[in-house]
Amino acid sequence: MIWLTWRQWRAQALSALGAFIVLAAVLAYTGPHLVHLYQASGIAECQKANGDCGPLIDAFTSHYPLAHVLGSLIILLPAILGVFWGAPLVARELEARTCDVAWTQAVSRTRWLSTKLVTIGLGAVGTTAAFMIVIAAWSSPFDKVSANRFSPAMFSQRGIVPLAYSAFAFALGVFAGAAIRRVLPAMAATLGGTAAARVTVQQWVRPRFAAPFHISGAVFGRGASPTVASNAWVVAARVVDAGGRSIQVRRGLLRDTCHIPEGQFGRDSLRVCAQRLGIHEVLTVQPANRYWSFQIWEGALFVALGVALVIASFVWVRRRIG
């Protein structure tokens, strides 16, 4: 059964292996130069001195637009594997009716499905891990520059959650193929379901894994905004009045309310006016030390969803498919 699974899956596996070898060769060739650029950029010294590092960072990141492509690859790879490896696993057999032969032999449906799930599922997770490791190693200078690994986009590219995404997307593809019984609709359902699940968790579930902190600061004026430690996640930012209600700050309204003379109108006078009126900025923040706990919680959530989909696939194949 394992040999049959390999013969059916070898084209996808060899394609993934070839893509990985090409990518690893490119990253191995460009990686040392990237590290040299980072060391010579002076960004590390600037960040230690808490200086204005924006121009240095812009100059450094402009050298390698490839970093954005690699980030997108890690974000999309789990869905791609779910679509092209998970969805056809059962749907292709049902659509071609080869299951009529496979399921009437000595191999039971349970063994047939479990062998394919374990073999190809582990391959999908392993493929994601391999790509993620080499990309994370190459991108480490960019990670140091951004100091923002808790941001929604970066959070989905590092740690253990990409592996959980792959397991979930693959399991969703298998279930969609078993339920829909046609390859192309199952692929579309897998892509849409994976995107919907990840957006839902990112926007509404992840921020609620733990109660956030709220940091207040003044509005207007250089350095007046509240400061946030590196790698912390700013979930939301809003300006509120003295009663805590969210408002939009209009400079003209503040000038008229505080009767600021035309000659004194500027950021400093606006800041003083806002402070007198109780207007201030509030940041909702998840601190950086929660990064790994959030990774574990989100990874466990997607693995649990994947396990539920695997169980549903077994039930569907054994009882709903004639």
C-alpha atoms as a PDB file:
ATOM      1  CA  MET A   1       0.000   0.000   0.000  1.00  0.00           C
ATOM      2  CA  ILE A   2       2.875   2.361   0.758  1.00  0.00           C
ATOM      3  CA  TRP A   3       4.446   1.558  -2.618  1.00  0.00           C
ATOM      4  CA  LEU A   4       1.156   2.282  -4.399  1.00  0.00           C
ATOM      5  CA  THR A   5       0.829   5.559  -2.518  1.00  0.00           C
ATOM      6  CA  TRP A   6       4.344   6.559  -3.553  1.00  0.00           C
ATOM      7  CA  ARG A   7       3.672   5.747  -7.215  1.00  0.00           C
ATOM      8  CA  GLN A   8       0.551   7.897  -7.194  1.00  0.00           C
ATOM      9  CA  TRP A   9       2.205  10.769  -5.326  1.00  0.00           C
ATOM     10  CA  ARG A  10       5.747  10.730  -6.710  1.00  0.00           C
ATOM     11  CA  ALA A  11       5.142  13.437  -9.342  1.00  0.00           C
ATOM     12  CA  GLN A  12       4.071  15.937  -6.658  1.00  0.00           C
ATOM     13  CA  ALA A  13       6.838  14.833  -4.314  1.00  0.00           C
ATOM     14  CA  LEU A  14       9.570  15.137  -6.935  1.00  0.00           C
ATOM     15  CA  SER A  15       8.237  18.532  -8.042  1.00  0.00           C
ATOM     16  CA  ALA A  16       8.380  19.783  -4.450  1.00  0.00           C
ATOM     17  CA  LEU A  17      11.879  18.355  -4.016  1.00  0.00           C
ATOM     18  CA  GLY A  18      13.083  20.031  -7.208  1.00  0.00           C
ATOM     19  CA  ALA A  19      11.621  23.390  -6.160  1.00  0.00           C
ATOM     20  CA  PHE A  20      13.239  23.064  -2.734  1.00  0.00           C
ATOM     21  CA  ILE A  21      16.670  22.275  -4.208  1.00  0.00           C
ATOM     22  CA  VAL A  22      16.509  25.286  -6.528  1.00  0.00           C
ATOM     23  CA  LEU A  23      15.361  27.590  -3.719  1.00  0.00           C
ATOM     24  CA  ALA A  24      17.978  26.283  -1.283  1.00  0.00           C
ATOM     25  CA  ALA A  25      20.731  26.808  -3.877  1.00  0.00           C
ATOM     26  CA  VAL A  26      19.625  30.401  -4.530  1.00  0.00           C
ATOM     27  CA  LEU A  27      19.416  31.197  -0.829  1.00  0.00           C
ATOM     28  CA  ALA A  28      22.766  29.557  -0.086  1.00  0.00           C
ATOM     29  CA  TYR A  29      24.376  31.671  -2.815  1.00  0.00           C
ATOM     30  CA  THR A  30      22.830  35.003  -1.767  1.00  0.00           C
ATOM     31  CA  GLY A  31      22.770  34.437   2.007  1.00  0.00           C
ATOM     32  CA  PRO A  32      26.389  35.383   2.847  1.00  0.00           C
ATOM     33  CA  HIS A  33      26.125  38.629   0.883  1.00  0.00           C
ATOM     34  CA  LEU A  34      22.901  39.480   2.706  1.00  0.00           C
ATOM     35  CA  VAL A  35      24.573  38.948   6.079  1.00  0.00           C
ATOM     36  CA  HIS A  36      27.489  41.141   4.978  1.00  0.00           C
ATOM     37  CA  LEU A  37      25.108  43.910   3.930  1.00  0.00           C
ATOM     38  CA  TYR A  38      23.369  43.777   7.282  1.00  0.00           C
ATOM     39  CA  GLN A  39      26.619  43.913   9.243  1.00  0.00           C
ATOM     40  CA  ALA A  40      27.849  46.848   7.163  1.00  0.00           C
ATOM     41  CA  SER A  41      24.539  48.732   7.253  1.00  0.00           C
ATOM     42  CA  GLY A  42      24.949  50.037  10.807  1.00  0.00           C
ATOM     43  CA  ILE A  43      21.346  49.137  11.644  1.00  0.00           C
ATOM     44  CA  ALA A  44      22.257  47.067  14.707  1.00  0.00           C
ATOM     45  CA  GLU A  45      24.228  49.952  16.243  1.00  0.00           C
ATOM     46  CA  CYS A  46      21.460  52.425  15.385  1.00  0.00           C
ATOM     47  CA  GLN A  47      18.801  50.249  17.016  1.00  0.00           C
ATOM     48  CA  LYS A  48      20.887  49.865  20.163  1.00  0.00           C
ATOM     49  CA  ALA A  49      21.217  53.636  20.359  1.00  0.00           C
ATOM     50  CA  ASN A  50      17.433  54.060  19.800  1.00  0.00           C
ATOM     51  CA  GLY A  51      18.123  56.365  16.867  1.00  0.00           C
ATOM     52  CA  ASP A  52      16.093  57.090  13.737  1.00  0.00           C
ATOM     53  CA  CYS A  53      16.967  54.001  11.717  1.00  0.00           C
ATOM     54  CA  GLY A  54      14.362  54.422   8.984  1.00  0.00           C
ATOM     55  CA  PRO A  55      16.736  55.538   6.183  1.00  0.00           C
ATOM     56  CA  LEU A  56      19.210  52.753   6.987  1.00  0.00           C
ATOM     57  CA  ILE A  57      16.454  50.142   7.042  1.00  0.00           C
ATOM     58  CA  ASP A  58      14.980  51.374   3.753  1.00  0.00           C
ATOM     59  CA  ALA A  59      18.382  51.239   2.095  1.00  0.00           C
ATOM     60  CA  PHE A  60      19.016  47.718   3.381  1.00  0.00           C
ATOM     61  CA  THR A  61      15.639  46.214   2.507  1.00  0.00           C
ATOM     62  CA  SER A  62      15.747  47.667  -1.017  1.00  0.00           C
ATOM     63  CA  HIS A  63      18.610  45.329  -1.914  1.00  0.00           C
ATOM     64  CA  TYR A  64      16.520  42.166  -1.680  1.00  0.00           C
ATOM     65  CA  PRO A  65      12.877  42.377  -2.830  1.00  0.00           C
ATOM     66  CA  LEU A  66      13.101  38.574  -2.828  1.00  0.00           C
ATOM     67  CA  ALA A  67      12.335  38.715   0.907  1.00  0.00           C
ATOM     68  CA  HIS A  68       8.723  39.717   0.218  1.00  0.00           C
ATOM     69  CA  VAL A  69       8.331  36.856  -2.273  1.00  0.00           C
ATOM     70  CA  LEU A  70       9.663  34.337   0.231  1.00  0.00           C
ATOM     71  CA  GLY A  71       7.324  35.629   2.927  1.00  0.00           C
ATOM     72  CA  SER A  72       4.367  35.204   0.585  1.00  0.00           C
ATOM     73  CA  LEU A  73       5.539  31.687  -0.272  1.00  0.00           C
ATOM     74  CA  ILE A  74       5.467  30.544   3.354  1.00  0.00           C
ATOM     75  CA  ILE A  75       2.033  32.103   3.839  1.00  0.00           C
ATOM     76  CA  LEU A  76       0.623  30.399   0.715  1.00  0.00           C
ATOM     77  CA  LEU A  77       2.461  27.061   0.854  1.00  0.00           C
ATOM     78  CA  PRO A  78       0.102  25.287   3.314  1.00  0.00           C
ATOM     79  CA  ALA A  79      -2.911  26.186   1.172  1.00  0.00           C
ATOM     80  CA  ILE A  80      -1.096  25.077  -1.989  1.00  0.00           C
ATOM     81  CA  LEU A  81      -0.312  21.695  -0.450  1.00  0.00           C
ATOM     82  CA  GLY A  82      -3.884  21.308   0.744  1.00  0.00           C
ATOM     83  CA  VAL A  83      -5.216  22.123  -2.719  1.00  0.00           C
ATOM     84  CA  PHE A  84      -2.863  19.970  -4.804  1.00  0.00           C
ATOM     85  CA  TRP A  85      -2.024  17.163  -2.370  1.00  0.00           C
ATOM     86  CA  GLY A  86      -5.044  16.905  -0.086  1.00  0.00           C
ATOM     87  CA  ALA A  87      -8.047  17.591  -2.310  1.00  0.00           C
ATOM     88  CA  PRO A  88      -7.230  15.016  -5.044  1.00  0.00           C
ATOM     89  CA  LEU A  89      -6.379  12.250  -2.573  1.00  0.00           C
ATOM     90  CA  VAL A  90      -9.923  10.848  -2.383  1.00  0.00           C
ATOM     91  CA  ALA A  91     -11.697  12.954  -5.014  1.00  0.00           C
ATOM     92  CA  ARG A  92      -9.492  11.710  -7.852  1.00  0.00           C
ATOM     93  CA  GLU A  93     -10.213   8.100  -6.946  1.00  0.00           C
ATOM     94  CA  LEU A  94     -13.945   8.763  -6.790  1.00  0.00           C
ATOM     95  CA  GLU A  95     -14.008  10.783  -9.986  1.00  0.00           C
ATOM     96  CA  ALA A  96     -12.075   8.133 -11.945  1.00  0.00           C
ATOM     97  CA  ARG A  97     -13.899   5.278 -10.132  1.00  0.00           C
ATOM     98  CA  THR A  98     -10.575   3.553  -9.401  1.00  0.00           C
ATOM     99  CA  CYS A  99     -11.885   3.168  -5.860  1.00  0.00           C
ATOM    100  CA  ASP A 100     -14.220   0.455  -7.159  1.00  0.00           C
ATOM    101  CA  VAL A 101     -11.157  -1.719  -7.684  1.00  0.00           C
ATOM    102  CA  ALA A 102      -9.062  -0.542  -4.738  1.00  0.00           C
ATOM    103  CA  TRP A 103     -11.804  -0.958  -2.163  1.00  0.00           C
ATOM    104  CA  THR A 104     -12.843  -4.429  -3.284  1.00  0.00           C
ATOM    105  CA  GLN A 105      -9.393  -5.945  -2.793  1.00  0.00           C
ATOM    106  CA  ALA A 106      -7.805  -7.252   0.398  1.00  0.00           C
ATOM    107  CA  VAL A 107      -6.987  -3.699   1.551  1.00  0.00           C
ATOM    108  CA  SER A 108      -9.839  -2.174   3.538  1.00  0.00           C
ATOM    109  CA  ARG A 109     -11.025   1.393   3.125  1.00  0.00           C
ATOM    110  CA  THR A 110      -9.670   2.258   6.558  1.00  0.00           C
ATOM    111  CA  ARG A 111      -6.198   0.964   5.778  1.00  0.00           C
ATOM    112  CA  TRP A 112      -6.254   2.528   2.314  1.00  0.00           C
ATOM    113  CA  LEU A 113      -7.138   5.964   3.658  1.00  0.00           C
ATOM    114  CA  SER A 114      -4.938   5.811   6.767  1.00  0.00           C
ATOM    115  CA  THR A 115      -1.861   4.845   4.721  1.00  0.00           C
ATOM    116  CA  LYS A 116      -2.383   7.718   2.311  1.00  0.00           C
ATOM    117  CA  LEU A 117      -3.159  10.202   5.056  1.00  0.00           C
ATOM    118  CA  VAL A 118      -0.065   9.349   7.065  1.00  0.00           C
ATOM    119  CA  THR A 119       2.319   9.122   4.101  1.00  0.00           C
ATOM    120  CA  ILE A 120       1.221  12.178   2.149  1.00  0.00           C
ATOM    121  CA  GLY A 121       0.182  14.176   5.219  1.00  0.00           C
ATOM    122  CA  LEU A 122       3.602  13.822   6.801  1.00  0.00           C
ATOM    123  CA  GLY A 123       5.105  14.703   3.443  1.00  0.00           C
ATOM    124  CA  ALA A 124       3.077  17.923   3.339  1.00  0.00           C
ATOM    125  CA  VAL A 125       4.091  18.941   6.855  1.00  0.00           C
ATOM    126  CA  GLY A 126       7.714  17.977   6.189  1.00  0.00           C
ATOM    127  CA  THR A 127       7.765  19.989   2.965  1.00  0.00           C
ATOM    128  CA  THR A 128       6.483  23.052   4.787  1.00  0.00           C
ATOM    129  CA  ALA A 129       9.080  22.573   7.516  1.00  0.00           C
ATOM    130  CA  ALA A 130      11.922  22.290   5.007  1.00  0.00           C
ATOM    131  CA  PHE A 131      10.918  25.431   3.109  1.00  0.00           C
ATOM    132  CA  MET A 132      10.292  27.348   6.316  1.00  0.00           C
ATOM    133  CA  ILE A 133      13.675  26.469   7.835  1.00  0.00           C
ATOM    134  CA  VAL A 134      15.771  27.570   4.855  1.00  0.00           C
ATOM    135  CA  ILE A 135      13.713  30.738   4.315  1.00  0.00           C
ATOM    136  CA  ALA A 136      13.837  31.656   8.026  1.00  0.00           C
ATOM    137  CA  ALA A 137      17.609  31.147   8.097  1.00  0.00           C
ATOM    138  CA  TRP A 138      18.104  33.349   5.031  1.00  0.00           C
ATOM    139  CA  SER A 139      15.659  35.989   6.298  1.00  0.00           C
ATOM    140  CA  SER A 140      17.167  36.322   9.782  1.00  0.00           C
ATOM    141  CA  PRO A 141      18.751  39.742   9.017  1.00  0.00           C
ATOM    142  CA  PHE A 142      15.351  41.050   7.914  1.00  0.00           C
ATOM    143  CA  ASP A 143      13.789  39.660  11.093  1.00  0.00           C
ATOM    144  CA  LYS A 144      16.355  41.545  13.159  1.00  0.00           C
ATOM    145  CA  VAL A 145      15.651  44.724  11.235  1.00  0.00           C
ATOM    146  CA  SER A 146      11.882  44.553  11.575  1.00  0.00           C
ATOM    147  CA  ALA A 147      11.920  43.422  15.241  1.00  0.00           C
ATOM    148  CA  ASN A 148       8.262  42.605  14.693  1.00  0.00           C
ATOM    149  CA  ARG A 149       7.850  38.829  14.673  1.00  0.00           C
ATOM    150  CA  PHE A 150       4.507  39.138  16.495  1.00  0.00           C
ATOM    151  CA  SER A 151       2.916  41.076  13.632  1.00  0.00           C
ATOM    152  CA  PRO A 152       0.098  39.148  11.889  1.00  0.00           C
ATOM    153  CA  ALA A 153       2.054  38.525   8.669  1.00  0.00           C
ATOM    154  CA  MET A 154       5.339  37.555  10.342  1.00  0.00           C
ATOM    155  CA  PHE A 155       3.600  35.428  12.974  1.00  0.00           C
ATOM    156  CA  SER A 156       2.228  33.205  10.195  1.00  0.00           C
ATOM    157  CA  GLN A 157       5.675  32.662   8.638  1.00  0.00           C
ATOM    158  CA  ARG A 158       7.744  31.540  11.618  1.00  0.00           C
ATOM    159  CA  GLY A 159       7.570  29.166  14.572  1.00  0.00           C
ATOM    160  CA  ILE A 160       5.300  26.129  14.544  1.00  0.00           C
ATOM    161  CA  VAL A 161       2.085  27.553  13.126  1.00  0.00           C
ATOM    162  CA  PRO A 162       3.010  27.026   9.426  1.00  0.00           C
ATOM    163  CA  LEU A 163       3.245  23.299  10.178  1.00  0.00           C
ATOM    164  CA  ALA A 164      -0.176  23.347  11.825  1.00  0.00           C
ATOM    165  CA  TYR A 165      -1.574  25.284   8.864  1.00  0.00           C
ATOM    166  CA  SER A 166      -0.274  22.589   6.515  1.00  0.00           C
ATOM    167  CA  ALA A 167      -1.779  19.775   8.560  1.00  0.00           C
ATOM    168  CA  PHE A 168      -5.132  21.583   8.648  1.00  0.00           C
ATOM    169  CA  ALA A 169      -5.159  22.482   4.945  1.00  0.00           C
ATOM    170  CA  PHE A 170      -4.231  18.943   3.949  1.00  0.00           C
ATOM    171  CA  ALA A 171      -6.944  17.442   6.169  1.00  0.00           C
ATOM    172  CA  LEU A 172      -9.472  19.951   4.831  1.00  0.00           C
ATOM    173  CA  GLY A 173      -8.546  18.997   1.280  1.00  0.00           C
ATOM    174  CA  VAL A 174      -9.026  15.305   2.000  1.00  0.00           C
ATOM    175  CA  PHE A 175     -12.425  15.865   3.577  1.00  0.00           C
ATOM    176  CA  ALA A 176     -13.533  18.235   0.807  1.00  0.00           C
ATOM    177  CA  GLY A 177     -12.539  15.635  -1.794  1.00  0.00           C
ATOM    178  CA  ALA A 178     -14.432  12.878   0.001  1.00  0.00           C
ATOM    179  CA  ALA A 179     -17.546  15.002   0.471  1.00  0.00           C
ATOM    180  CA  ILE A 180     -17.653  16.722  -2.933  1.00  0.00           C
ATOM    181  CA  ARG A 181     -16.246  13.767  -4.942  1.00  0.00           C
ATOM    182  CA  ARG A 182     -14.898  15.989  -7.723  1.00  0.00           C
ATOM    183  CA  VAL A 183     -11.337  17.256  -7.863  1.00  0.00           C
ATOM    184  CA  LEU A 184     -11.714  20.848  -9.075  1.00  0.00           C
ATOM    185  CA  PRO A 185     -14.611  21.814  -6.773  1.00  0.00           C
ATOM    186  CA  ALA A 186     -12.779  20.159  -3.877  1.00  0.00           C
ATOM    187  CA  MET A 187      -9.658  22.175  -4.655  1.00  0.00           C
ATOM    188  CA  ALA A 188     -11.664  25.394  -4.717  1.00  0.00           C
ATOM    189  CA  ALA A 189     -13.365  24.513  -1.430  1.00  0.00           C
ATOM    190  CA  THR A 190      -9.994  23.741   0.153  1.00  0.00           C
ATOM    191  CA  LEU A 191      -8.503  27.046  -0.922  1.00  0.00           C
ATOM    192  CA  GLY A 192     -11.508  29.039   0.265  1.00  0.00           C
ATOM    193  CA  GLY A 193     -11.856  27.116   3.524  1.00  0.00           C
ATOM    194  CA  THR A 194      -8.176  27.457   4.379  1.00  0.00           C
ATOM    195  CA  ALA A 195      -8.190  31.197   3.691  1.00  0.00           C
ATOM    196  CA  ALA A 196     -11.398  31.708   5.686  1.00  0.00           C
ATOM    197  CA  ALA A 197     -10.102  29.755   8.676  1.00  0.00           C
ATOM    198  CA  ARG A 198      -6.794  31.587   8.803  1.00  0.00           C
ATOM    199  CA  VAL A 199      -8.332  35.039   8.416  1.00  0.00           C
ATOM    200  CA  THR A 200     -10.922  34.255  11.088  1.00  0.00           C
ATOM    201  CA  VAL A 201      -8.307  33.103  13.572  1.00  0.00           C
ATOM    202  CA  GLN A 202      -5.962  35.982  12.790  1.00  0.00           C
ATOM    203  CA  GLN A 203      -8.581  38.704  13.073  1.00  0.00           C
ATOM    204  CA  TRP A 204     -10.867  37.488  15.838  1.00  0.00           C
ATOM    205  CA  VAL A 205      -9.407  34.488  17.687  1.00  0.00           C
ATOM    206  CA  ARG A 206      -5.681  35.177  18.040  1.00  0.00           C
ATOM    207  CA  PRO A 207      -6.085  38.577  19.746  1.00  0.00           C
ATOM    208  CA  ARG A 208      -8.241  36.873  22.399  1.00  0.00           C
ATOM    209  CA  PHE A 209      -5.822  34.111  23.390  1.00  0.00           C
ATOM    210  CA  ALA A 210      -4.896  36.366  26.324  1.00  0.00           C
ATOM    211  CA  ALA A 211      -6.149  39.710  27.611  1.00  0.00           C
ATOM    212  CA  PRO A 212      -4.066  42.507  26.037  1.00  0.00           C
ATOM    213  CA  PHE A 213      -2.419  45.450  27.729  1.00  0.00           C
ATOM    214  CA  HIS A 214      -3.502  49.020  27.070  1.00  0.00           C
ATOM    215  CA  ILE A 215      -0.872  51.748  26.794  1.00  0.00           C
ATOM    216  CA  SER A 216      -1.844  55.418  26.826  1.00  0.00           C
ATOM    217  CA  GLY A 217       0.080  58.394  25.520  1.00  0.00           C
ATOM    218  CA  ALA A 218      -0.301  61.907  24.225  1.00  0.00           C
ATOM    219  CA  VAL A 219      -1.176  62.789  20.661  1.00  0.00           C
ATOM    220  CA  PHE A 220       0.856  65.166  18.467  1.00  0.00           C
ATOM    221  CA  GLY A 221       4.381  66.204  19.121  1.00  0.00           C
ATOM    222  CA  ARG A 222       7.600  64.316  18.440  1.00  0.00           C
ATOM    223  CA  GLY A 223       7.958  61.332  20.733  1.00  0.00           C
ATOM    224  CA  ALA A 224       4.560  61.939  22.272  1.00  0.00           C
ATOM    225  CA  SER A 225       2.961  58.679  21.175  1.00  0.00           C
ATOM    226  CA  PRO A 226       3.204  55.719  23.538  1.00  0.00           C
ATOM    227  CA  THR A 227       6.261  53.549  22.974  1.00  0.00           C
ATOM    228  CA  VAL A 228       6.025  49.798  22.430  1.00  0.00           C
ATOM    229  CA  ALA A 229       8.808  47.288  22.967  1.00  0.00           C
ATOM    230  CA  SER A 230      10.254  45.523  19.930  1.00  0.00           C
ATOM    231  CA  ASN A 231       8.490  42.352  18.750  1.00  0.00           C
ATOM    232  CA  ALA A 232       5.301  43.309  20.585  1.00  0.00           C
ATOM    233  CA  TRP A 233       2.026  43.152  18.673  1.00  0.00           C
ATOM    234  CA  VAL A 234       0.004  46.354  18.435  1.00  0.00           C
ATOM    235  CA  VAL A 235      -3.476  44.879  18.016  1.00  0.00           C
ATOM    236  CA  ALA A 236      -5.259  48.224  17.726  1.00  0.00           C
ATOM    237  CA  ALA A 237      -4.599  51.945  18.039  1.00  0.00           C
ATOM    238  CA  ARG A 238      -7.241  54.578  18.655  1.00  0.00           C
ATOM    239  CA  VAL A 239      -7.633  58.129  19.866  1.00  0.00           C
ATOM    240  CA  VAL A 240     -10.120  58.648  22.718  1.00  0.00           C
ATOM    241  CA  ASP A 241     -11.584  61.592  24.577  1.00  0.00           C
ATOM    242  CA  ALA A 242     -11.651  62.144  28.321  1.00  0.00           C
ATOM    243  CA  GLY A 243     -14.629  59.776  28.624  1.00  0.00           C
ATOM    244  CA  GLY A 244     -12.846  56.951  26.794  1.00  0.00           C
ATOM    245  CA  ARG A 245     -14.897  57.241  23.592  1.00  0.00           C
ATOM    246  CA  SER A 246     -13.096  56.781  20.264  1.00  0.00           C
ATOM    247  CA  ILE A 247     -12.913  59.983  18.259  1.00  0.00           C
ATOM    248  CA  GLN A 248     -11.271  61.399  15.160  1.00  0.00           C
ATOM    249  CA  VAL A 249      -8.933  64.277  15.888  1.00  0.00           C
ATOM    250  CA  ARG A 250      -9.325  67.285  13.611  1.00  0.00           C
ATOM    251  CA  ARG A 251      -6.668  69.951  13.901  1.00  0.00           C
ATOM    252  CA  GLY A 252      -9.013  72.745  12.930  1.00  0.00           C
ATOM    253  CA  LEU A 253     -11.510  71.734  15.597  1.00  0.00           C
ATOM    254  CA  LEU A 254      -8.814  71.639  18.275  1.00  0.00           C
ATOM    255  CA  ARG A 255      -7.538  75.045  17.198  1.00  0.00           C
ATOM    256  CA  ASP A 256     -11.012  76.553  17.447  1.00  0.00           C
ATOM    257  CA  THR A 257     -11.861  74.799  20.732  1.00  0.00           C
ATOM    258  CA  CYS A 258      -8.671  75.911  22.473  1.00  0.00           C
ATOM    259  CA  HIS A 259      -8.598  79.328  20.737  1.00  0.00           C
ATOM    260  CA  ILE A 260      -5.043  78.857  19.522  1.00  0.00           C
ATOM    261  CA  PRO A 261      -3.736  82.059  17.855  1.00  0.00           C
ATOM    262  CA  GLU A 262      -2.708  81.696  14.223  1.00  0.00           C
ATOM    263  CA  GLY A 263       0.911  82.506  14.980  1.00  0.00           C
ATOM    264  CA  GLN A 264       1.158  79.814  17.674  1.00  0.00           C
ATOM    265  CA  PHE A 265      -0.600  77.080  15.735  1.00  0.00           C
ATOM    266  CA  GLY A 266       1.642  74.007  15.554  1.00  0.00           C
ATOM    267  CA  ARG A 267       2.176  70.461  16.844  1.00  0.00           C
ATOM    268  CA  ASP A 268       3.227  71.592  20.314  1.00  0.00           C
ATOM    269  CA  SER A 269       0.181  73.782  20.797  1.00  0.00           C
ATOM    270  CA  LEU A 270      -2.068  71.018  19.495  1.00  0.00           C
ATOM    271  CA  ARG A 271      -0.524  68.549  21.952  1.00  0.00           C
ATOM    272  CA  VAL A 272      -1.108  70.934  24.861  1.00  0.00           C
ATOM    273  CA  CYS A 273      -4.692  71.500  23.715  1.00  0.00           C
ATOM    274  CA  ALA A 274      -5.369  67.782  23.428  1.00  0.00           C
ATOM    275  CA  GLN A 275      -3.947  67.141  26.895  1.00  0.00           C
ATOM    276  CA  ARG A 276      -6.143  69.881  28.363  1.00  0.00           C
ATOM    277  CA  LEU A 277      -9.217  68.292  26.743  1.00  0.00           C
ATOM    278  CA  GLY A 278      -8.235  64.801  27.900  1.00  0.00           C
ATOM    279  CA  ILE A 279      -7.689  63.531  24.353  1.00  0.00           C
ATOM    280  CA  HIS A 280      -5.045  60.830  24.184  1.00  0.00           C
ATOM    281  CA  GLU A 281      -3.978  57.771  22.189  1.00  0.00           C
ATOM    282  CA  VAL A 282      -4.557  54.219  23.437  1.00  0.00           C
ATOM    283  CA  LEU A 283      -2.669  51.218  22.044  1.00  0.00           C
ATOM    284  CA  THR A 284      -3.930  47.672  22.564  1.00  0.00           C
ATOM    285  CA  VAL A 285      -0.814  45.517  22.822  1.00  0.00           C
ATOM    286  CA  GLN A 286       0.122  41.866  23.194  1.00  0.00           C
ATOM    287  CA  PRO A 287       3.630  41.820  24.727  1.00  0.00           C
ATOM    288  CA  ALA A 288       6.508  40.068  22.994  1.00  0.00           C
ATOM    289  CA  ASN A 289       6.937  37.471  25.770  1.00  0.00           C
ATOM    290  CA  ARG A 290       3.618  35.880  24.755  1.00  0.00           C
ATOM    291  CA  TYR A 291       4.884  34.979  21.291  1.00  0.00           C
ATOM    292  CA  TRP A 292       5.535  31.280  21.899  1.00  0.00           C
ATOM    293  CA  SER A 293       2.418  30.745  23.984  1.00  0.00           C
ATOM    294  CA  PHE A 294       0.365  32.221  21.134  1.00  0.00           C
ATOM    295  CA  GLN A 295       2.225  29.999  18.683  1.00  0.00           C
ATOM    296  CA  ILE A 296       1.357  26.921  20.750  1.00  0.00           C
ATOM    297  CA  TRP A 297      -2.294  27.889  21.205  1.00  0.00           C
ATOM    298  CA  GLU A 298      -2.842  28.643  17.536  1.00  0.00           C
ATOM    299  CA  GLY A 299      -0.900  25.587  16.412  1.00  0.00           C
ATOM    300  CA  ALA A 300      -2.928  23.374  18.744  1.00  0.00           C
ATOM    301  CA  LEU A 301      -6.149  24.911  17.452  1.00  0.00           C
ATOM    302  CA  PHE A 302      -5.379  24.140  13.802  1.00  0.00           C
ATOM    303  CA  VAL A 303      -4.090  20.656  14.629  1.00  0.00           C
ATOM    304  CA  ALA A 304      -7.321  19.952  16.521  1.00  0.00           C
ATOM    305  CA  LEU A 305      -9.345  21.150  13.544  1.00  0.00           C
ATOM    306  CA  GLY A 306      -7.255  18.941  11.287  1.00  0.00           C
ATOM    307  CA  VAL A 307      -7.804  15.894  13.499  1.00  0.00           C
ATOM    308  CA  ALA A 308     -11.555  16.544  13.445  1.00  0.00           C
ATOM    309  CA  LEU A 309     -11.470  16.708   9.642  1.00  0.00           C
ATOM    310  CA  VAL A 310      -9.476  13.470   9.440  1.00  0.00           C
ATOM    311  CA  ILE A 311     -12.034  11.703  11.633  1.00  0.00           C
ATOM    312  CA  ALA A 312     -14.832  13.116   9.474  1.00  0.00           C
ATOM    313  CA  SER A 313     -13.025  11.852   6.360  1.00  0.00           C
ATOM    314  CA  PHE A 314     -12.835   8.311   7.753  1.00  0.00           C
ATOM    315  CA  VAL A 315     -16.522   8.379   8.650  1.00  0.00           C
ATOM    316  CA  TRP A 316     -17.451   9.733   5.226  1.00  0.00           C
ATOM    317  CA  VAL A 317     -15.360   7.217   3.294  1.00  0.00           C
ATOM    318  CA  ARG A 318     -16.572   4.251   5.322  1.00  0.00           C
ATOM    319  CA  ARG A 319     -20.263   5.104   5.601  1.00  0.00           C
ATOM    320  CA  ARG A 320     -21.294   7.711   3.030  1.00  0.00           C
ATOM    321  CA  ILE A 321     -19.542   6.482  -0.113  1.00  0.00           C
ATOM    322  CA  GLY A 322     -21.118   3.489  -1.790  1.00  0.00           C
END
